[in-house]
N, C-alpha and C. Protein backbone atom coordinates (compact mmCIF):
# COMPACT_ATOMS: atom_id res chain seq x y z
N MET A 1 56.12 74.50 97.08
CA MET A 1 55.46 74.82 96.11
C MET A 1 53.84 74.16 97.02
N THR A 2 53.31 74.36 96.68
CA THR A 2 51.89 73.65 97.47
C THR A 2 51.31 72.44 96.56
N GLU A 3 50.43 72.11 97.51
CA GLU A 3 49.65 70.92 96.79
C GLU A 3 49.36 71.36 96.03
N GLY A 4 47.88 72.33 96.12
CA GLY A 4 46.83 72.77 95.15
C GLY A 4 47.35 73.88 94.62
N LYS A 5 46.11 74.74 94.55
CA LYS A 5 46.43 76.08 93.71
C LYS A 5 47.87 76.91 94.10
N PRO A 6 48.59 76.91 93.22
CA PRO A 6 49.75 77.91 93.20
C PRO A 6 49.37 79.18 93.26
N THR A 7 50.92 79.66 93.80
CA THR A 7 50.69 80.98 94.20
C THR A 7 51.17 81.75 92.86
N LYS A 8 50.81 83.04 92.97
CA LYS A 8 51.20 84.11 92.08
C LYS A 8 52.92 84.07 91.96
N GLU A 9 53.59 84.22 93.56
CA GLU A 9 54.49 83.49 93.73
C GLU A 9 55.64 82.42 92.78
N GLU A 10 54.79 81.58 93.01
CA GLU A 10 55.47 80.35 92.37
C GLU A 10 55.22 80.32 90.87
N ILE A 11 54.29 81.28 90.72
CA ILE A 11 54.40 81.08 88.98
C ILE A 11 55.45 82.00 88.77
N LEU A 12 55.80 83.12 89.19
CA LEU A 12 56.29 84.03 89.08
C LEU A 12 58.11 83.40 89.11
N ASN A 13 58.35 82.39 89.68
CA ASN A 13 59.45 81.92 89.46
C ASN A 13 59.48 81.09 88.68
N ALA A 14 58.68 80.77 88.46
CA ALA A 14 58.78 79.44 87.41
C ALA A 14 59.29 80.16 86.01
N LEU A 15 58.61 81.55 85.70
CA LEU A 15 58.41 82.55 84.74
C LEU A 15 60.16 82.72 84.93
N LYS A 16 60.83 83.01 85.49
CA LYS A 16 61.95 83.41 85.86
C LYS A 16 63.32 82.42 85.25
N ASN A 17 62.64 81.30 85.12
CA ASN A 17 63.76 80.47 83.99
C ASN A 17 63.34 81.07 82.42
N VAL A 18 62.53 81.95 82.10
CA VAL A 18 62.09 81.94 80.40
C VAL A 18 63.43 83.61 80.28
N TYR A 19 64.21 83.32 79.29
CA TYR A 19 64.62 84.19 79.00
C TYR A 19 64.62 84.79 77.43
N ASP A 20 64.90 85.86 77.10
CA ASP A 20 65.07 86.41 75.53
C ASP A 20 66.33 86.02 75.21
N PRO A 21 66.03 85.21 74.04
CA PRO A 21 67.92 84.55 74.34
C PRO A 21 68.94 85.96 73.35
N GLU A 22 68.32 86.67 73.49
CA GLU A 22 69.19 88.03 73.07
C GLU A 22 69.66 88.87 74.37
N ILE A 23 68.83 88.72 75.65
CA ILE A 23 69.28 89.38 76.35
C ILE A 23 69.34 88.80 77.62
N PRO A 24 70.62 88.70 78.53
CA PRO A 24 70.57 87.95 79.49
C PRO A 24 69.99 87.97 81.12
N VAL A 25 68.69 88.34 80.90
CA VAL A 25 67.73 88.68 81.74
C VAL A 25 66.63 88.18 81.68
N ASN A 26 65.57 87.18 82.76
CA ASN A 26 64.55 86.58 82.27
C ASN A 26 63.94 87.54 82.42
N ILE A 27 62.36 87.07 82.36
CA ILE A 27 61.74 88.14 81.67
C ILE A 27 60.51 88.91 82.49
N VAL A 28 60.65 87.98 83.84
CA VAL A 28 60.47 88.67 84.81
C VAL A 28 60.60 89.77 85.26
N ASP A 29 62.21 89.46 85.15
CA ASP A 29 63.18 91.11 85.62
C ASP A 29 63.21 92.14 84.40
N LEU A 30 62.92 91.51 83.40
CA LEU A 30 63.04 92.66 82.56
C LEU A 30 61.76 93.56 82.40
N GLY A 31 60.61 93.08 83.08
CA GLY A 31 59.69 93.72 82.94
C GLY A 31 58.15 93.27 82.25
N LEU A 32 58.93 92.34 81.71
CA LEU A 32 57.64 91.96 80.45
C LEU A 32 56.46 91.46 81.21
N VAL A 33 56.66 90.93 82.23
CA VAL A 33 55.25 90.09 82.66
C VAL A 33 54.56 91.19 83.12
N TYR A 34 53.31 91.27 82.75
CA TYR A 34 52.12 92.36 83.08
C TYR A 34 51.15 91.56 84.05
N GLU A 35 50.49 90.53 84.22
CA GLU A 35 49.76 90.36 84.92
C GLU A 35 49.72 88.65 84.63
N ILE A 36 49.19 88.16 85.61
CA ILE A 36 48.98 86.48 86.00
C ILE A 36 47.54 86.55 86.99
N ASP A 37 46.84 85.21 86.02
CA ASP A 37 45.97 84.98 86.72
C ASP A 37 45.51 83.60 86.79
N ILE A 38 45.21 83.21 88.05
CA ILE A 38 45.22 81.51 88.37
C ILE A 38 44.04 80.99 88.58
N ARG A 39 43.79 80.30 87.31
CA ARG A 39 41.98 80.14 87.70
C ARG A 39 41.91 79.11 87.87
N ASP A 40 40.42 78.88 88.68
CA ASP A 40 40.00 77.22 89.21
C ASP A 40 40.11 75.97 88.25
N ASP A 41 40.20 76.54 86.87
CA ASP A 41 39.87 75.20 85.69
C ASP A 41 41.30 74.86 86.09
N GLY A 42 42.89 74.99 86.53
CA GLY A 42 43.71 74.45 86.13
C GLY A 42 44.36 75.40 84.90
N THR A 43 43.45 76.29 84.74
CA THR A 43 44.17 77.69 83.66
C THR A 43 45.27 78.61 84.04
N VAL A 44 46.62 78.59 83.77
CA VAL A 44 47.20 79.85 84.40
C VAL A 44 47.49 80.93 83.25
N TYR A 45 46.73 82.01 83.41
CA TYR A 45 46.54 83.38 82.50
C TYR A 45 47.69 84.23 82.28
N VAL A 46 48.70 84.28 81.66
CA VAL A 46 50.06 85.33 81.63
C VAL A 46 49.51 86.58 80.40
N LYS A 47 49.62 87.64 80.59
CA LYS A 47 49.64 88.63 79.73
C LYS A 47 50.95 89.29 79.71
N MET A 48 51.58 89.59 78.68
CA MET A 48 52.96 89.53 78.68
C MET A 48 53.09 90.72 77.64
N THR A 49 54.06 91.19 77.07
CA THR A 49 54.80 91.75 76.40
C THR A 49 56.39 91.25 75.85
N LEU A 50 56.84 91.87 74.95
CA LEU A 50 57.88 91.83 74.75
C LEU A 50 59.23 93.06 74.24
N THR A 51 60.26 92.99 74.08
CA THR A 51 60.89 94.24 74.11
C THR A 51 60.57 94.95 73.01
N ALA A 52 60.08 94.82 72.16
CA ALA A 52 59.90 95.20 70.78
C ALA A 52 58.26 94.67 70.22
N PRO A 53 58.04 95.04 69.62
CA PRO A 53 56.29 94.75 68.90
C PRO A 53 56.81 94.22 67.52
N GLY A 54 58.18 94.06 66.84
CA GLY A 54 58.48 93.32 65.89
C GLY A 54 59.11 92.34 65.94
N CYS A 55 59.12 91.95 67.46
CA CYS A 55 60.61 90.52 68.10
C CYS A 55 60.04 89.45 67.33
N PRO A 56 61.20 89.06 66.56
CA PRO A 56 60.98 87.87 65.77
C PRO A 56 61.13 86.41 66.69
N ILE A 57 60.92 86.65 68.20
CA ILE A 57 61.43 85.60 68.91
C ILE A 57 59.93 85.41 69.68
N GLY A 58 59.22 86.18 69.46
CA GLY A 58 57.82 85.86 69.77
C GLY A 58 57.02 84.85 70.47
N VAL A 59 57.10 84.06 69.61
CA VAL A 59 56.39 82.70 69.29
C VAL A 59 57.35 81.59 70.35
N PHE A 60 58.59 81.97 70.08
CA PHE A 60 59.66 81.14 70.93
C PHE A 60 59.20 81.61 72.41
N ILE A 61 59.22 82.61 72.92
CA ILE A 61 59.25 82.90 74.22
C ILE A 61 57.50 82.26 74.86
N THR A 62 56.47 82.66 74.05
CA THR A 62 55.35 82.09 74.64
C THR A 62 55.47 81.12 74.61
N ASP A 63 56.47 80.00 73.96
CA ASP A 63 56.22 78.36 73.79
C ASP A 63 57.27 78.23 75.11
N GLN A 64 57.93 79.26 75.53
CA GLN A 64 59.04 78.92 76.86
C GLN A 64 58.33 79.28 78.21
N VAL A 65 57.06 80.35 78.09
CA VAL A 65 56.61 80.53 78.88
C VAL A 65 55.25 79.18 79.36
N LYS A 66 54.88 78.95 78.77
CA LYS A 66 54.21 77.51 78.79
C LYS A 66 54.83 76.66 79.12
N GLN A 67 55.47 76.24 78.57
CA GLN A 67 56.52 74.88 79.34
C GLN A 67 57.60 75.36 80.60
N ALA A 68 57.43 76.10 80.59
CA ALA A 68 58.06 76.85 81.97
C ALA A 68 57.30 76.33 83.47
N VAL A 69 56.31 77.02 83.55
CA VAL A 69 54.83 76.89 83.87
C VAL A 69 54.35 75.64 84.23
N MET A 70 54.38 74.63 82.92
CA MET A 70 53.69 73.66 83.14
C MET A 70 54.56 72.41 83.69
N ALA A 71 56.16 72.73 83.54
CA ALA A 71 56.88 71.46 83.59
C ALA A 71 57.34 71.68 85.49
N THR A 72 56.89 72.89 85.88
CA THR A 72 57.19 73.11 87.31
C THR A 72 56.30 73.09 88.20
N ILE A 73 54.85 73.67 87.80
CA ILE A 73 53.98 73.14 88.44
C ILE A 73 53.07 72.16 88.16
N PRO A 74 52.61 71.14 88.68
CA PRO A 74 52.07 70.35 88.35
C PRO A 74 50.08 70.49 88.58
N TRP A 75 49.90 71.02 89.20
CA TRP A 75 48.64 71.53 89.55
C TRP A 75 48.10 71.99 87.90
N VAL A 76 49.18 72.98 87.34
CA VAL A 76 48.46 73.40 85.86
C VAL A 76 48.27 72.38 84.79
N LYS A 77 46.88 72.59 84.41
CA LYS A 77 46.45 71.66 83.00
C LYS A 77 47.04 73.11 81.65
N ASP A 78 46.90 73.84 82.04
CA ASP A 78 47.27 75.02 80.51
C ASP A 78 47.46 76.31 80.94
N VAL A 79 48.20 76.70 80.04
CA VAL A 79 48.71 77.90 80.13
C VAL A 79 48.41 79.26 78.97
N GLU A 80 47.30 80.19 79.13
CA GLU A 80 47.38 80.78 78.09
C GLU A 80 48.14 82.19 78.11
N VAL A 81 49.08 82.52 77.03
CA VAL A 81 49.88 83.60 76.93
C VAL A 81 49.17 84.78 76.34
N ASP A 82 49.06 85.49 76.27
CA ASP A 82 48.72 87.02 75.90
C ASP A 82 48.88 87.98 75.77
N LEU A 83 49.92 88.12 74.35
CA LEU A 83 50.71 88.99 74.16
C LEU A 83 50.79 90.55 73.63
N VAL A 84 50.66 91.04 74.50
CA VAL A 84 50.09 92.52 74.43
C VAL A 84 51.38 93.33 74.52
N PHE A 85 50.70 94.44 73.58
CA PHE A 85 51.68 95.52 73.03
C PHE A 85 51.34 96.82 73.81
N ASP A 86 50.48 97.23 74.81
CA ASP A 86 49.95 98.35 75.21
C ASP A 86 49.39 98.03 76.55
N PRO A 87 50.14 98.25 77.71
CA PRO A 87 51.26 99.61 77.46
C PRO A 87 52.43 98.89 76.66
N PRO A 88 53.26 99.57 76.11
CA PRO A 88 54.85 99.42 75.53
C PRO A 88 55.43 99.60 76.64
N TRP A 89 56.64 98.02 76.32
CA TRP A 89 57.40 98.18 77.16
C TRP A 89 58.77 99.13 76.96
N SER A 90 59.15 99.36 78.09
CA SER A 90 60.46 100.14 78.29
C SER A 90 61.16 100.23 79.23
N PRO A 91 62.81 100.31 79.33
CA PRO A 91 63.55 100.14 80.38
C PRO A 91 63.38 100.28 81.64
N ASP A 92 62.34 101.50 82.01
CA ASP A 92 61.47 101.81 83.18
C ASP A 92 61.46 100.40 84.11
N LYS A 93 60.68 99.68 83.26
CA LYS A 93 59.81 98.36 84.00
C LYS A 93 60.92 97.30 84.22
N MET A 94 62.05 97.15 83.88
CA MET A 94 62.98 96.16 84.58
C MET A 94 62.87 96.44 86.13
N SER A 95 63.72 95.38 86.71
CA SER A 95 63.84 95.28 88.15
C SER A 95 65.43 96.18 88.02
N GLU A 96 65.47 96.38 89.39
CA GLU A 96 66.86 97.43 89.67
C GLU A 96 68.16 96.56 89.35
N GLU A 97 67.38 95.07 89.36
CA GLU A 97 69.01 94.15 89.15
C GLU A 97 69.29 93.99 87.46
N ALA A 98 68.28 93.58 86.69
CA ALA A 98 68.16 93.73 85.63
C ALA A 98 68.97 94.87 84.83
N LYS A 99 68.36 96.37 85.50
CA LYS A 99 68.76 97.58 85.18
C LYS A 99 70.35 97.72 85.46
N ALA A 100 70.90 96.93 86.53
CA ALA A 100 71.87 96.97 86.69
C ALA A 100 73.22 96.25 86.20
N LEU A 101 72.44 95.06 85.67
CA LEU A 101 73.06 93.66 84.96
C LEU A 101 73.43 94.36 83.56
N LEU A 102 72.33 94.93 83.01
CA LEU A 102 72.32 95.60 82.08
C LEU A 102 73.11 97.30 81.32
N GLY A 103 73.50 97.89 82.62
CA GLY A 103 74.30 99.03 83.00
C GLY A 103 73.07 99.98 82.53
N PHE A 104 71.77 100.29 82.96
CA PHE A 104 71.07 101.24 83.41
C PHE A 104 70.82 102.14 84.18
N THR A 105 71.73 101.75 85.15
CA THR A 105 71.94 102.57 86.21
C THR A 105 73.38 103.59 86.29
């Protein structure tokens, strides 16, 4: 990890520690993370979605996103999570590894 401003790759690596408790794949490989913006003020903005709009664990996952980034990257002062449902998530957003693990290939 860098001493100063983190890279998008470092943020994504931190987010690979966040899992939907119902699916054994991290949120990055599931394709739930749409955008990352690393701001100069120490805030990391994460635009993401869930596998379904009515998902009851949305608050749990967004809290996990904040904790994963804050605990992994000391430079980060705050994490802003924007939970969106447009565009909607679909299995085609998953990584090839996730598709194989979940039997989509």
